[in-house]
């Protein structure tokens, strides 16, 4: 069994003046744990999130969402990762949803 660890979230271009972002995996919010969102605009955030153990050659998708107070939250896109062996750090670029101008990357490793 392999374990994936999410290391850092990098914001290169925010969708708005500042995005209020959070991450989801399998329809559950995984970050941030203690607040609704983290405000980001061209910065990086350290994550250090240990994911559940997975079999080798497993595909994982981490969703990036923008929190909205008065309307439904906006899905900015998805990070796709193939966990096929120990190593890293690796980087996955955000595959944007239609209409999103955001550019993010996710740094991760497998151990």
PDB file of N, CA and C in Angstrom:
ATOM      1  N   UNK A   1       0.844  -1.192   0.000  1.00  0.00           N
ATOM      2  CA  UNK A   1       0.000   0.000   0.000  1.00  0.00           C
ATOM      3  C   UNK A   1       0.884   1.247   0.000  1.00  0.00           C
ATOM      4  N   UNK A   2       0.400   2.260  -0.682  1.00  0.00           N
ATOM      5  CA  UNK A   2       1.111   3.532  -0.774  1.00  0.00           C
ATOM      6  C   UNK A   2       0.295   4.620  -0.093  1.00  0.00           C
ATOM      7  N   UNK A   3       0.980   5.646   0.350  1.00  0.00           N
ATOM      8  CA  UNK A   3       0.306   6.764   0.992  1.00  0.00           C
ATOM      9  C   UNK A   3       0.726   8.056   0.290  1.00  0.00           C
ATOM     10  N   UNK A   4      -0.264   8.832  -0.111  1.00  0.00           N
ATOM     11  CA  UNK A   4      -0.025  10.097  -0.784  1.00  0.00           C
ATOM     12  C   UNK A   4      -0.105  11.220   0.247  1.00  0.00           C
ATOM     13  N   UNK A   5       0.806  12.171   0.147  1.00  0.00           N
ATOM     14  CA  UNK A   5       0.808  13.333   1.041  1.00  0.00           C
ATOM     15  C   UNK A   5       0.753  14.591   0.182  1.00  0.00           C
ATOM     16  N   UNK A   6      -0.232  15.447   0.460  1.00  0.00           N
ATOM     17  CA  UNK A   6      -0.345  16.725  -0.228  1.00  0.00           C
ATOM     18  C   UNK A   6       0.545  17.721   0.496  1.00  0.00           C
ATOM     19  N   UNK A   7       1.491  18.318  -0.231  1.00  0.00           N
ATOM     20  CA  UNK A   7       2.496  19.175   0.390  1.00  0.00           C
ATOM     21  C   UNK A   7       2.145  20.657   0.347  1.00  0.00           C
ATOM     22  N   UNK A   8       1.923  21.184  -0.864  1.00  0.00           N
ATOM     23  CA  UNK A   8       1.693  22.620  -1.006  1.00  0.00           C
ATOM     24  C   UNK A   8       0.694  22.910  -2.120  1.00  0.00           C
ATOM     25  N   UNK A   9      -0.052  23.989  -1.938  1.00  0.00           N
ATOM     26  CA  UNK A   9      -0.945  24.514  -2.966  1.00  0.00           C
ATOM     27  C   UNK A   9      -0.364  25.840  -3.423  1.00  0.00           C
ATOM     28  N   UNK A  10      -0.106  25.960  -4.726  1.00  0.00           N
ATOM     29  CA  UNK A  10       0.469  27.173  -5.298  1.00  0.00           C
ATOM     30  C   UNK A  10      -0.594  27.898  -6.117  1.00  0.00           C
ATOM     31  N   UNK A  11      -0.729  29.195  -5.909  1.00  0.00           N
ATOM     32  CA  UNK A  11      -1.630  30.030  -6.710  1.00  0.00           C
ATOM     33  C   UNK A  11      -0.783  30.946  -7.579  1.00  0.00           C
ATOM     34  N   UNK A  12      -0.933  30.833  -8.886  1.00  0.00           N
ATOM     35  CA  UNK A  12      -0.212  31.685  -9.830  1.00  0.00           C
ATOM     36  C   UNK A  12      -1.107  32.808 -10.343  1.00  0.00           C
ATOM     37  N   UNK A  13      -2.368  32.475 -10.625  1.00  0.00           N
ATOM     38  CA  UNK A  13      -3.364  33.463 -11.057  1.00  0.00           C
ATOM     39  C   UNK A  13      -4.668  33.119 -10.344  1.00  0.00           C
ATOM     40  N   UNK A  14      -5.192  34.053  -9.560  1.00  0.00           N
ATOM     41  CA  UNK A  14      -6.464  33.808  -8.882  1.00  0.00           C
ATOM     42  C   UNK A  14      -7.613  34.111  -9.841  1.00  0.00           C
ATOM     43  N   UNK A  15      -8.745  33.476  -9.606  1.00  0.00           N
ATOM     44  CA  UNK A  15      -9.924  33.654 -10.456  1.00  0.00           C
ATOM     45  C   UNK A  15     -10.560  35.020 -10.194  1.00  0.00           C
ATOM     46  N   UNK A  16     -10.479  35.469  -8.946  1.00  0.00           N
ATOM     47  CA  UNK A  16     -10.986  36.782  -8.551  1.00  0.00           C
ATOM     48  C   UNK A  16      -9.794  37.557  -7.992  1.00  0.00           C
ATOM     49  N   UNK A  17     -10.023  38.740  -7.396  1.00  0.00           N
ATOM     50  CA  UNK A  17      -8.895  39.483  -6.821  1.00  0.00           C
ATOM     51  C   UNK A  17      -8.191  38.638  -5.761  1.00  0.00           C
ATOM     52  N   UNK A  18      -8.956  37.840  -5.035  1.00  0.00           N
ATOM     53  CA  UNK A  18      -8.426  36.818  -4.131  1.00  0.00           C
ATOM     54  C   UNK A  18      -9.464  35.698  -4.084  1.00  0.00           C
ATOM     55  N   UNK A  19      -9.009  34.470  -4.242  1.00  0.00           N
ATOM     56  CA  UNK A  19      -9.910  33.323  -4.164  1.00  0.00           C
ATOM     57  C   UNK A  19      -9.996  32.848  -2.717  1.00  0.00           C
ATOM     58  N   UNK A  20     -11.169  32.419  -2.317  1.00  0.00           N
ATOM     59  CA  UNK A  20     -11.391  31.845  -0.984  1.00  0.00           C
ATOM     60  C   UNK A  20     -11.506  30.341  -1.185  1.00  0.00           C
ATOM     61  N   UNK A  21     -10.365  29.656  -1.147  1.00  0.00           N
ATOM     62  CA  UNK A  21     -10.295  28.279  -1.618  1.00  0.00           C
ATOM     63  C   UNK A  21     -10.355  27.243  -0.504  1.00  0.00           C
ATOM     64  N   UNK A  22     -10.851  26.064  -0.905  1.00  0.00           N
ATOM     65  CA  UNK A  22     -10.778  24.871  -0.076  1.00  0.00           C
ATOM     66  C   UNK A  22     -10.661  23.674  -1.002  1.00  0.00           C
ATOM     67  N   UNK A  23     -10.177  22.551  -0.454  1.00  0.00           N
ATOM     68  CA  UNK A  23      -9.971  21.332  -1.227  1.00  0.00           C
ATOM     69  C   UNK A  23     -10.956  20.255  -0.796  1.00  0.00           C
ATOM     70  N   UNK A  24     -11.390  19.458  -1.790  1.00  0.00           N
ATOM     71  CA  UNK A  24     -12.285  18.335  -1.519  1.00  0.00           C
ATOM     72  C   UNK A  24     -11.722  17.071  -2.173  1.00  0.00           C
ATOM     73  N   UNK A  25     -11.981  15.944  -1.512  1.00  0.00           N
ATOM     74  CA  UNK A  25     -11.621  14.640  -2.048  1.00  0.00           C
ATOM     75  C   UNK A  25     -12.784  13.706  -1.755  1.00  0.00           C
ATOM     76  N   UNK A  26     -13.262  13.011  -2.774  1.00  0.00           N
ATOM     77  CA  UNK A  26     -14.426  12.111  -2.620  1.00  0.00           C
ATOM     78  C   UNK A  26     -15.605  12.833  -1.965  1.00  0.00           C
ATOM     79  N   UNK A  27     -15.883  14.036  -2.440  1.00  0.00           N
ATOM     80  CA  UNK A  27     -17.014  14.857  -2.009  1.00  0.00           C
ATOM     81  C   UNK A  27     -16.929  15.341  -0.561  1.00  0.00           C
ATOM     82  N   UNK A  28     -15.757  15.208   0.077  1.00  0.00           N
ATOM     83  CA  UNK A  28     -15.576  15.681   1.445  1.00  0.00           C
ATOM     84  C   UNK A  28     -14.477  16.738   1.488  1.00  0.00           C
ATOM     85  N   UNK A  29     -14.716  17.789   2.241  1.00  0.00           N
ATOM     86  CA  UNK A  29     -13.715  18.840   2.409  1.00  0.00           C
ATOM     87  C   UNK A  29     -12.545  18.281   3.211  1.00  0.00           C
ATOM     88  N   UNK A  30     -11.313  18.477   2.701  1.00  0.00           N
ATOM     89  CA  UNK A  30     -10.128  17.979   3.390  1.00  0.00           C
ATOM     90  C   UNK A  30      -9.195  19.094   3.850  1.00  0.00           C
ATOM     91  N   UNK A  31      -9.393  20.310   3.339  1.00  0.00           N
ATOM     92  CA  UNK A  31      -8.540  21.441   3.722  1.00  0.00           C
ATOM     93  C   UNK A  31      -9.248  22.735   3.396  1.00  0.00           C
ATOM     94  N   UNK A  32      -9.114  23.758   4.250  1.00  0.00           N
ATOM     95  CA  UNK A  32      -8.477  23.779   5.564  1.00  0.00           C
ATOM     96  C   UNK A  32      -9.376  23.119   6.605  1.00  0.00           C
ATOM     97  N   UNK A  33      -8.765  22.599   7.649  1.00  0.00           N
ATOM     98  CA  UNK A  33      -9.512  21.851   8.663  1.00  0.00           C
ATOM     99  C   UNK A  33     -10.218  22.766   9.658  1.00  0.00           C
ATOM    100  N   UNK A  34      -9.640  23.924   9.952  1.00  0.00           N
ATOM    101  CA  UNK A  34     -10.147  24.750  11.043  1.00  0.00           C
ATOM    102  C   UNK A  34     -10.915  26.002  10.609  1.00  0.00           C
ATOM    103  N   UNK A  35     -11.002  26.254   9.312  1.00  0.00           N
ATOM    104  CA  UNK A  35     -11.758  27.405   8.791  1.00  0.00           C
ATOM    105  C   UNK A  35     -12.510  26.968   7.540  1.00  0.00           C
ATOM    106  N   UNK A  36     -13.404  27.840   7.055  1.00  0.00           N
ATOM    107  CA  UNK A  36     -14.179  27.508   5.851  1.00  0.00           C
ATOM    108  C   UNK A  36     -13.320  27.538   4.596  1.00  0.00           C
ATOM    109  N   UNK A  37     -12.328  28.442   4.551  1.00  0.00           N
ATOM    110  CA  UNK A  37     -11.501  28.616   3.362  1.00  0.00           C
ATOM    111  C   UNK A  37     -10.204  29.324   3.737  1.00  0.00           C
ATOM    112  N   UNK A  38      -9.294  29.385   2.759  1.00  0.00           N
ATOM    113  CA  UNK A  38      -8.073  30.180   2.869  1.00  0.00           C
ATOM    114  C   UNK A  38      -8.068  31.138   1.694  1.00  0.00           C
ATOM    115  N   UNK A  39      -7.815  32.405   1.967  1.00  0.00           N
ATOM    116  CA  UNK A  39      -7.770  33.410   0.911  1.00  0.00           C
ATOM    117  C   UNK A  39      -6.413  33.341   0.212  1.00  0.00           C
ATOM    118  N   UNK A  40      -6.445  33.218  -1.118  1.00  0.00           N
ATOM    119  CA  UNK A  40      -5.196  33.101  -1.888  1.00  0.00           C
ATOM    120  C   UNK A  40      -5.221  34.005  -3.109  1.00  0.00           C
ATOM    121  N   UNK A  41      -4.097  34.635  -3.359  1.00  0.00           N
ATOM    122  CA  UNK A  41      -3.848  35.345  -4.615  1.00  0.00           C
ATOM    123  C   UNK A  41      -2.341  35.402  -4.822  1.00  0.00           C
ATOM    124  N   UNK A  42      -1.862  34.647  -5.758  1.00  0.00           N
ATOM    125  CA  UNK A  42      -0.447  34.507  -6.103  1.00  0.00           C
ATOM    126  C   UNK A  42       0.421  34.271  -4.872  1.00  0.00           C
ATOM    127  N   UNK A  43       0.181  33.169  -4.219  1.00  0.00           N
ATOM    128  CA  UNK A  43       0.954  32.773  -3.038  1.00  0.00           C
ATOM    129  C   UNK A  43       1.000  31.253  -2.985  1.00  0.00           C
ATOM    130  N   UNK A  44       1.520  30.727  -1.897  1.00  0.00           N
ATOM    131  CA  UNK A  44       1.502  29.286  -1.693  1.00  0.00           C
ATOM    132  C   UNK A  44       1.124  29.009  -0.247  1.00  0.00           C
ATOM    133  N   UNK A  45       0.482  27.878  -0.054  1.00  0.00           N
ATOM    134  CA  UNK A  45       0.073  27.437   1.279  1.00  0.00           C
ATOM    135  C   UNK A  45       0.641  26.046   1.514  1.00  0.00           C
ATOM    136  N   UNK A  46       1.204  25.831   2.688  1.00  0.00           N
ATOM    137  CA  UNK A  46       1.677  24.510   3.080  1.00  0.00           C
ATOM    138  C   UNK A  46       0.483  23.698   3.560  1.00  0.00           C
ATOM    139  N   UNK A  47       0.347  22.474   3.054  1.00  0.00           N
ATOM    140  CA  UNK A  47      -0.801  21.635   3.369  1.00  0.00           C
ATOM    141  C   UNK A  47      -0.477  20.538   4.383  1.00  0.00           C
ATOM    142  N   UNK A  48       0.516  19.705   4.077  1.00  0.00           N
ATOM    143  CA  UNK A  48       0.878  18.552   4.909  1.00  0.00           C
ATOM    144  C   UNK A  48      -0.327  17.680   5.256  1.00  0.00           C
ATOM    145  N   UNK A  49      -1.053  17.246   4.230  1.00  0.00           N
ATOM    146  CA  UNK A  49      -2.235  16.403   4.403  1.00  0.00           C
ATOM    147  C   UNK A  49      -1.883  14.967   4.014  1.00  0.00           C
ATOM    148  N   UNK A  50      -1.989  14.061   4.970  1.00  0.00           N
ATOM    149  CA  UNK A  50      -1.789  12.636   4.702  1.00  0.00           C
ATOM    150  C   UNK A  50      -3.097  12.055   4.198  1.00  0.00           C
ATOM    151  N   UNK A  51      -3.073  11.500   3.009  1.00  0.00           N
ATOM    152  CA  UNK A  51      -4.256  10.869   2.446  1.00  0.00           C
ATOM    153  C   UNK A  51      -4.293   9.403   2.882  1.00  0.00           C
ATOM    154  N   UNK A  52      -5.423   8.761   2.698  1.00  0.00           N
ATOM    155  CA  UNK A  52      -5.575   7.341   3.038  1.00  0.00           C
ATOM    156  C   UNK A  52      -4.659   6.489   2.165  1.00  0.00           C
ATOM    157  N   UNK A  53      -4.329   5.311   2.647  1.00  0.00           N
ATOM    158  CA  UNK A  53      -3.504   4.394   1.866  1.00  0.00           C
ATOM    159  C   UNK A  53      -4.254   3.946   0.616  1.00  0.00           C
ATOM    160  N   UNK A  54      -3.505   3.798  -0.473  1.00  0.00           N
ATOM    161  CA  UNK A  54      -4.101   3.378  -1.743  1.00  0.00           C
ATOM    162  C   UNK A  54      -3.236   2.292  -2.368  1.00  0.00           C
ATOM    163  N   UNK A  55      -3.836   1.533  -3.256  1.00  0.00           N
ATOM    164  CA  UNK A  55      -3.098   0.547  -4.044  1.00  0.00           C
ATOM    165  C   UNK A  55      -2.247   1.278  -5.074  1.00  0.00           C
ATOM    166  N   UNK A  56      -1.182   0.639  -5.550  1.00  0.00           N
ATOM    167  CA  UNK A  56      -0.365   1.199  -6.619  1.00  0.00           C
ATOM    168  C   UNK A  56      -1.217   1.347  -7.880  1.00  0.00           C
ATOM    169  N   UNK A  57      -0.870   2.302  -8.723  1.00  0.00           N
ATOM    170  CA  UNK A  57      -1.573   2.608  -9.970  1.00  0.00           C
ATOM    171  C   UNK A  57      -2.999   3.082  -9.729  1.00  0.00           C
ATOM    172  N   UNK A  58      -3.191   3.855  -8.668  1.00  0.00           N
ATOM    173  CA  UNK A  58      -4.484   4.435  -8.340  1.00  0.00           C
ATOM    174  C   UNK A  58      -4.525   5.877  -8.822  1.00  0.00           C
ATOM    175  N   UNK A  59      -5.622   6.257  -9.454  1.00  0.00           N
ATOM    176  CA  UNK A  59      -5.828   7.650  -9.847  1.00  0.00           C
ATOM    177  C   UNK A  59      -6.594   8.357  -8.744  1.00  0.00           C
ATOM    178  N   UNK A  60      -6.162   9.563  -8.430  1.00  0.00           N
ATOM    179  CA  UNK A  60      -6.837  10.370  -7.417  1.00  0.00           C
ATOM    180  C   UNK A  60      -7.165  11.728  -8.022  1.00  0.00           C
ATOM    181  N   UNK A  61      -8.289  12.287  -7.613  1.00  0.00           N
ATOM    182  CA  UNK A  61      -8.673  13.618  -8.043  1.00  0.00           C
ATOM    183  C   UNK A  61      -8.973  14.469  -6.816  1.00  0.00           C
ATOM    184  N   UNK A  62      -8.274  15.580  -6.702  1.00  0.00           N
ATOM    185  CA  UNK A  62      -8.491  16.546  -5.632  1.00  0.00           C
ATOM    186  C   UNK A  62      -9.149  17.761  -6.274  1.00  0.00           C
ATOM    187  N   UNK A  63     -10.292  18.180  -5.746  1.00  0.00           N
ATOM    188  CA  UNK A  63     -11.031  19.316  -6.309  1.00  0.00           C
ATOM    189  C   UNK A  63     -10.675  20.597  -5.573  1.00  0.00           C
ATOM    190  N   UNK A  64     -10.547  21.685  -6.334  1.00  0.00           N
ATOM    191  CA  UNK A  64     -10.316  23.020  -5.787  1.00  0.00           C
ATOM    192  C   UNK A  64     -11.598  23.821  -5.928  1.00  0.00           C
ATOM    193  N   UNK A  65     -12.094  24.349  -4.810  1.00  0.00           N
ATOM    194  CA  UNK A  65     -13.348  25.088  -4.778  1.00  0.00           C
ATOM    195  C   UNK A  65     -13.120  26.505  -4.268  1.00  0.00           C
ATOM    196  N   UNK A  66     -13.970  27.428  -4.725  1.00  0.00           N
ATOM    197  CA  UNK A  66     -13.985  28.809  -4.249  1.00  0.00           C
ATOM    198  C   UNK A  66     -15.243  28.992  -3.401  1.00  0.00           C
ATOM    199  N   UNK A  67     -15.052  29.402  -2.156  1.00  0.00           N
ATOM    200  CA  UNK A  67     -16.168  29.577  -1.218  1.00  0.00           C
ATOM    201  C   UNK A  67     -16.938  30.851  -1.553  1.00  0.00           C
ATOM    202  N   UNK A  68     -18.250  30.755  -1.565  1.00  0.00           N
ATOM    203  CA  UNK A  68     -19.122  31.922  -1.770  1.00  0.00           C
ATOM    204  C   UNK A  68     -20.124  31.991  -0.625  1.00  0.00           C
ATOM    205  N   UNK A  69     -20.243  33.167  -0.026  1.00  0.00           N
ATOM    206  CA  UNK A  69     -21.153  33.341   1.119  1.00  0.00           C
ATOM    207  C   UNK A  69     -22.618  33.341   0.715  1.00  0.00           C
ATOM    208  N   UNK A  70     -22.948  33.988  -0.405  1.00  0.00           N
ATOM    209  CA  UNK A  70     -24.354  34.231  -0.757  1.00  0.00           C
ATOM    210  C   UNK A  70     -24.850  33.436  -1.946  1.00  0.00           C
ATOM    211  N   UNK A  71     -23.983  32.634  -2.547  1.00  0.00           N
ATOM    212  CA  UNK A  71     -24.397  31.805  -3.683  1.00  0.00           C
ATOM    213  C   UNK A  71     -23.669  30.464  -3.573  1.00  0.00           C
ATOM    214  N   UNK A  72     -24.029  29.491  -4.410  1.00  0.00           N
ATOM    215  CA  UNK A  72     -23.336  28.193  -4.337  1.00  0.00           C
ATOM    216  C   UNK A  72     -21.827  28.348  -4.572  1.00  0.00           C
ATOM    217  N   UNK A  73     -21.050  27.517  -3.897  1.00  0.00           N
ATOM    218  CA  UNK A  73     -19.596  27.528  -4.087  1.00  0.00           C
ATOM    219  C   UNK A  73     -19.256  27.174  -5.532  1.00  0.00           C
ATOM    220  N   UNK A  74     -18.145  27.710  -6.016  1.00  0.00           N
ATOM    221  CA  UNK A  74     -17.712  27.490  -7.399  1.00  0.00           C
ATOM    222  C   UNK A  74     -16.563  26.489  -7.441  1.00  0.00           C
ATOM    223  N   UNK A  75     -16.719  25.457  -8.259  1.00  0.00           N
ATOM    224  CA  UNK A  75     -15.627  24.516  -8.482  1.00  0.00           C
ATOM    225  C   UNK A  75     -14.682  25.150  -9.494  1.00  0.00           C
ATOM    226  N   UNK A  76     -13.436  25.416  -9.059  1.00  0.00           N
ATOM    227  CA  UNK A  76     -12.450  26.028  -9.956  1.00  0.00           C
ATOM    228  C   UNK A  76     -11.814  24.999 -10.876  1.00  0.00           C
ATOM    229  N   UNK A  77     -11.706  23.764 -10.400  1.00  0.00           N
ATOM    230  CA  UNK A  77     -11.105  22.722 -11.223  1.00  0.00           C
ATOM    231  C   UNK A  77     -10.684  21.534 -10.398  1.00  0.00           C
ATOM    232  N   UNK A  78      -9.855  20.684 -11.009  1.00  0.00           N
ATOM    233  CA  UNK A  78      -9.448  19.434 -10.374  1.00  0.00           C
ATOM    234  C   UNK A  78      -7.959  19.184 -10.642  1.00  0.00           C
ATOM    235  N   UNK A  79      -7.312  18.597  -9.639  1.00  0.00           N
ATOM    236  CA  UNK A  79      -5.938  18.119  -9.785  1.00  0.00           C
ATOM    237  C   UNK A  79      -6.014  16.608  -9.942  1.00  0.00           C
ATOM    238  N   UNK A  80      -5.416  16.076 -11.019  1.00  0.00           N
ATOM    239  CA  UNK A  80      -5.416  14.625 -11.245  1.00  0.00           C
ATOM    240  C   UNK A  80      -4.019  14.090 -10.961  1.00  0.00           C
ATOM    241  N   UNK A  81      -3.981  12.995 -10.186  1.00  0.00           N
ATOM    242  CA  UNK A  81      -2.712  12.400  -9.799  1.00  0.00           C
ATOM    243  C   UNK A  81      -2.801  10.895  -9.994  1.00  0.00           C
ATOM    244  N   UNK A  82      -1.715  10.298 -10.471  1.00  0.00           N
ATOM    245  CA  UNK A  82      -1.628   8.847 -10.565  1.00  0.00           C
ATOM    246  C   UNK A  82      -0.578   8.404  -9.557  1.00  0.00           C
ATOM    247  N   UNK A  83      -1.018   7.659  -8.560  1.00  0.00           N
ATOM    248  CA  UNK A  83      -0.137   7.173  -7.506  1.00  0.00           C
ATOM    249  C   UNK A  83       0.366   5.801  -7.947  1.00  0.00           C
ATOM    250  N   UNK A  84       1.583   5.780  -8.509  1.00  0.00           N
ATOM    251  CA  UNK A  84       2.083   4.526  -9.081  1.00  0.00           C
ATOM    252  C   UNK A  84       3.383   4.041  -8.461  1.00  0.00           C
ATOM    253  N   UNK A  85       3.882   4.731  -7.470  1.00  0.00           N
ATOM    254  CA  UNK A  85       5.104   4.297  -6.794  1.00  0.00           C
ATOM    255  C   UNK A  85       5.616   5.397  -5.882  1.00  0.00           C
ATOM    256  N   UNK A  86       6.501   5.027  -4.985  1.00  0.00           N
ATOM    257  CA  UNK A  86       7.047   5.990  -4.049  1.00  0.00           C
ATOM    258  C   UNK A  86       7.897   7.020  -4.773  1.00  0.00           C
ATOM    259  N   UNK A  87       7.860   8.260  -4.293  1.00  0.00           N
ATOM    260  CA  UNK A  87       8.701   9.294  -4.879  1.00  0.00           C
ATOM    261  C   UNK A  87       8.089  10.666  -4.747  1.00  0.00           C
ATOM    262  N   UNK A  88       8.754  11.599  -5.387  1.00  0.00           N
ATOM    263  CA  UNK A  88       8.280  12.976  -5.386  1.00  0.00           C
ATOM    264  C   UNK A  88       9.332  13.887  -4.797  1.00  0.00           C
ATOM    265  N   UNK A  89       9.011  15.136  -4.655  1.00  0.00           N
ATOM    266  CA  UNK A  89       7.676  15.691  -4.870  1.00  0.00           C
ATOM    267  C   UNK A  89       7.315  15.796  -6.347  1.00  0.00           C
ATOM    268  N   UNK A  90       6.016  15.653  -6.602  1.00  0.00           N
ATOM    269  CA  UNK A  90       5.438  15.792  -7.930  1.00  0.00           C
ATOM    270  C   UNK A  90       4.569  17.047  -7.942  1.00  0.00           C
ATOM    271  N   UNK A  91       4.252  17.527  -9.133  1.00  0.00           N
ATOM    272  CA  UNK A  91       3.377  18.687  -9.272  1.00  0.00           C
ATOM    273  C   UNK A  91       2.282  18.370 -10.280  1.00  0.00           C
ATOM    274  N   UNK A  92       1.038  18.667  -9.901  1.00  0.00           N
ATOM    275  CA  UNK A  92      -0.107  18.532 -10.811  1.00  0.00           C
ATOM    276  C   UNK A  92      -0.716  19.914 -11.002  1.00  0.00           C
ATOM    277  N   UNK A  93      -0.916  20.291 -12.257  1.00  0.00           N
ATOM    278  CA  UNK A  93      -1.563  21.571 -12.556  1.00  0.00           C
ATOM    279  C   UNK A  93      -3.072  21.411 -12.509  1.00  0.00           C
ATOM    280  N   UNK A  94      -3.746  22.491 -12.146  1.00  0.00           N
ATOM    281  CA  UNK A  94      -5.195  22.507 -12.089  1.00  0.00           C
ATOM    282  C   UNK A  94      -5.780  22.373 -13.492  1.00  0.00           C
ATOM    283  N   UNK A  95      -6.696  21.432 -13.658  1.00  0.00           N
ATOM    284  CA  UNK A  95      -7.486  21.330 -14.885  1.00  0.00           C
ATOM    285  C   UNK A  95      -8.733  22.158 -14.616  1.00  0.00           C
ATOM    286  N   UNK A  96      -8.793  23.335 -15.232  1.00  0.00           N
ATOM    287  CA  UNK A  96      -9.820  24.319 -14.905  1.00  0.00           C
ATOM    288  C   UNK A  96     -11.197  23.939 -15.411  1.00  0.00           C
ATOM    289  N   UNK A  97     -12.197  24.357 -14.628  1.00  0.00           N
ATOM    290  CA  UNK A  97     -13.582  24.275 -15.061  1.00  0.00           C
ATOM    291  C   UNK A  97     -13.806  25.351 -16.120  1.00  0.00           C
ATOM    292  N   UNK A  98     -14.765  25.130 -16.989  1.00  0.00           N
ATOM    293  CA  UNK A  98     -15.094  26.124 -18.003  1.00  0.00           C
ATOM    294  C   UNK A  98     -15.484  27.434 -17.316  1.00  0.00           C
ATOM    295  N   UNK A  99     -14.913  28.534 -17.779  1.00  0.00           N
ATOM    296  CA  UNK A  99     -15.213  29.843 -17.217  1.00  0.00           C
ATOM    297  C   UNK A  99     -14.253  30.288 -16.137  1.00  0.00           C
ATOM    298  N   UNK A 100     -13.410  29.398 -15.657  1.00  0.00           N
ATOM    299  CA  UNK A 100     -12.434  29.752 -14.621  1.00  0.00           C
ATOM    300  C   UNK A 100     -11.138  30.217 -15.267  1.00  0.00           C
ATOM    301  N   UNK A 101     -10.574  31.307 -14.754  1.00  0.00           N
ATOM    302  CA  UNK A 101      -9.295  31.801 -15.239  1.00  0.00           C
ATOM    303  C   UNK A 101      -8.162  31.509 -14.274  1.00  0.00           C
ATOM    304  N   UNK A 102      -8.445  30.727 -13.230  1.00  0.00           N
ATOM    305  CA  UNK A 102      -7.467  30.455 -12.180  1.00  0.00           C
ATOM    306  C   UNK A 102      -6.348  29.543 -12.678  1.00  0.00           C
ATOM    307  N   UNK A 103      -5.149  29.751 -12.127  1.00  0.00           N
ATOM    308  CA  UNK A 103      -4.012  28.860 -12.404  1.00  0.00           C
ATOM    309  C   UNK A 103      -3.391  28.479 -11.063  1.00  0.00           C
ATOM    310  N   UNK A 104      -3.527  27.196 -10.720  1.00  0.00           N
ATOM    311  CA  UNK A 104      -3.005  26.649  -9.475  1.00  0.00           C
ATOM    312  C   UNK A 104      -2.229  25.377  -9.783  1.00  0.00           C
ATOM    313  N   UNK A 105      -1.352  25.006  -8.861  1.00  0.00           N
ATOM    314  CA  UNK A 105      -0.715  23.685  -8.914  1.00  0.00           C
ATOM    315  C   UNK A 105      -0.687  23.101  -7.512  1.00  0.00           C
ATOM    316  N   UNK A 106      -0.637  21.775  -7.468  1.00  0.00           N
ATOM    317  CA  UNK A 106      -0.622  21.034  -6.215  1.00  0.00           C
ATOM    318  C   UNK A 106       0.665  20.215  -6.162  1.00  0.00           C
ATOM    319  N   UNK A 107       1.419  20.362  -5.093  1.00  0.00           N
ATOM    320  CA  UNK A 107       2.655  19.625  -4.908  1.00  0.00           C
ATOM    321  C   UNK A 107       2.370  18.449  -3.955  1.00  0.00           C
ATOM    322  N   UNK A 108       2.831  17.245  -4.320  1.00  0.00           N
ATOM    323  CA  UNK A 108       2.518  16.053  -3.547  1.00  0.00           C
ATOM    324  C   UNK A 108       3.644  15.024  -3.663  1.00  0.00           C
ATOM    325  N   UNK A 109       3.619  14.048  -2.772  1.00  0.00           N
ATOM    326  CA  UNK A 109       4.605  12.973  -2.795  1.00  0.00           C
ATOM    327  C   UNK A 109       3.949  11.668  -2.375  1.00  0.00           C
ATOM    328  N   UNK A 110       4.639  10.572  -2.647  1.00  0.00           N
ATOM    329  CA  UNK A 110       4.120   9.250  -2.296  1.00  0.00           C
ATOM    330  C   UNK A 110       5.181   8.539  -1.456  1.00  0.00           C
ATOM    331  N   UNK A 111       4.731   7.938  -0.361  1.00  0.00           N
ATOM    332  CA  UNK A 111       5.650   7.192   0.500  1.00  0.00           C
ATOM    333  C   UNK A 111       4.989   5.936   1.009  1.00  0.00           C
TER     334      UNK A 111
END
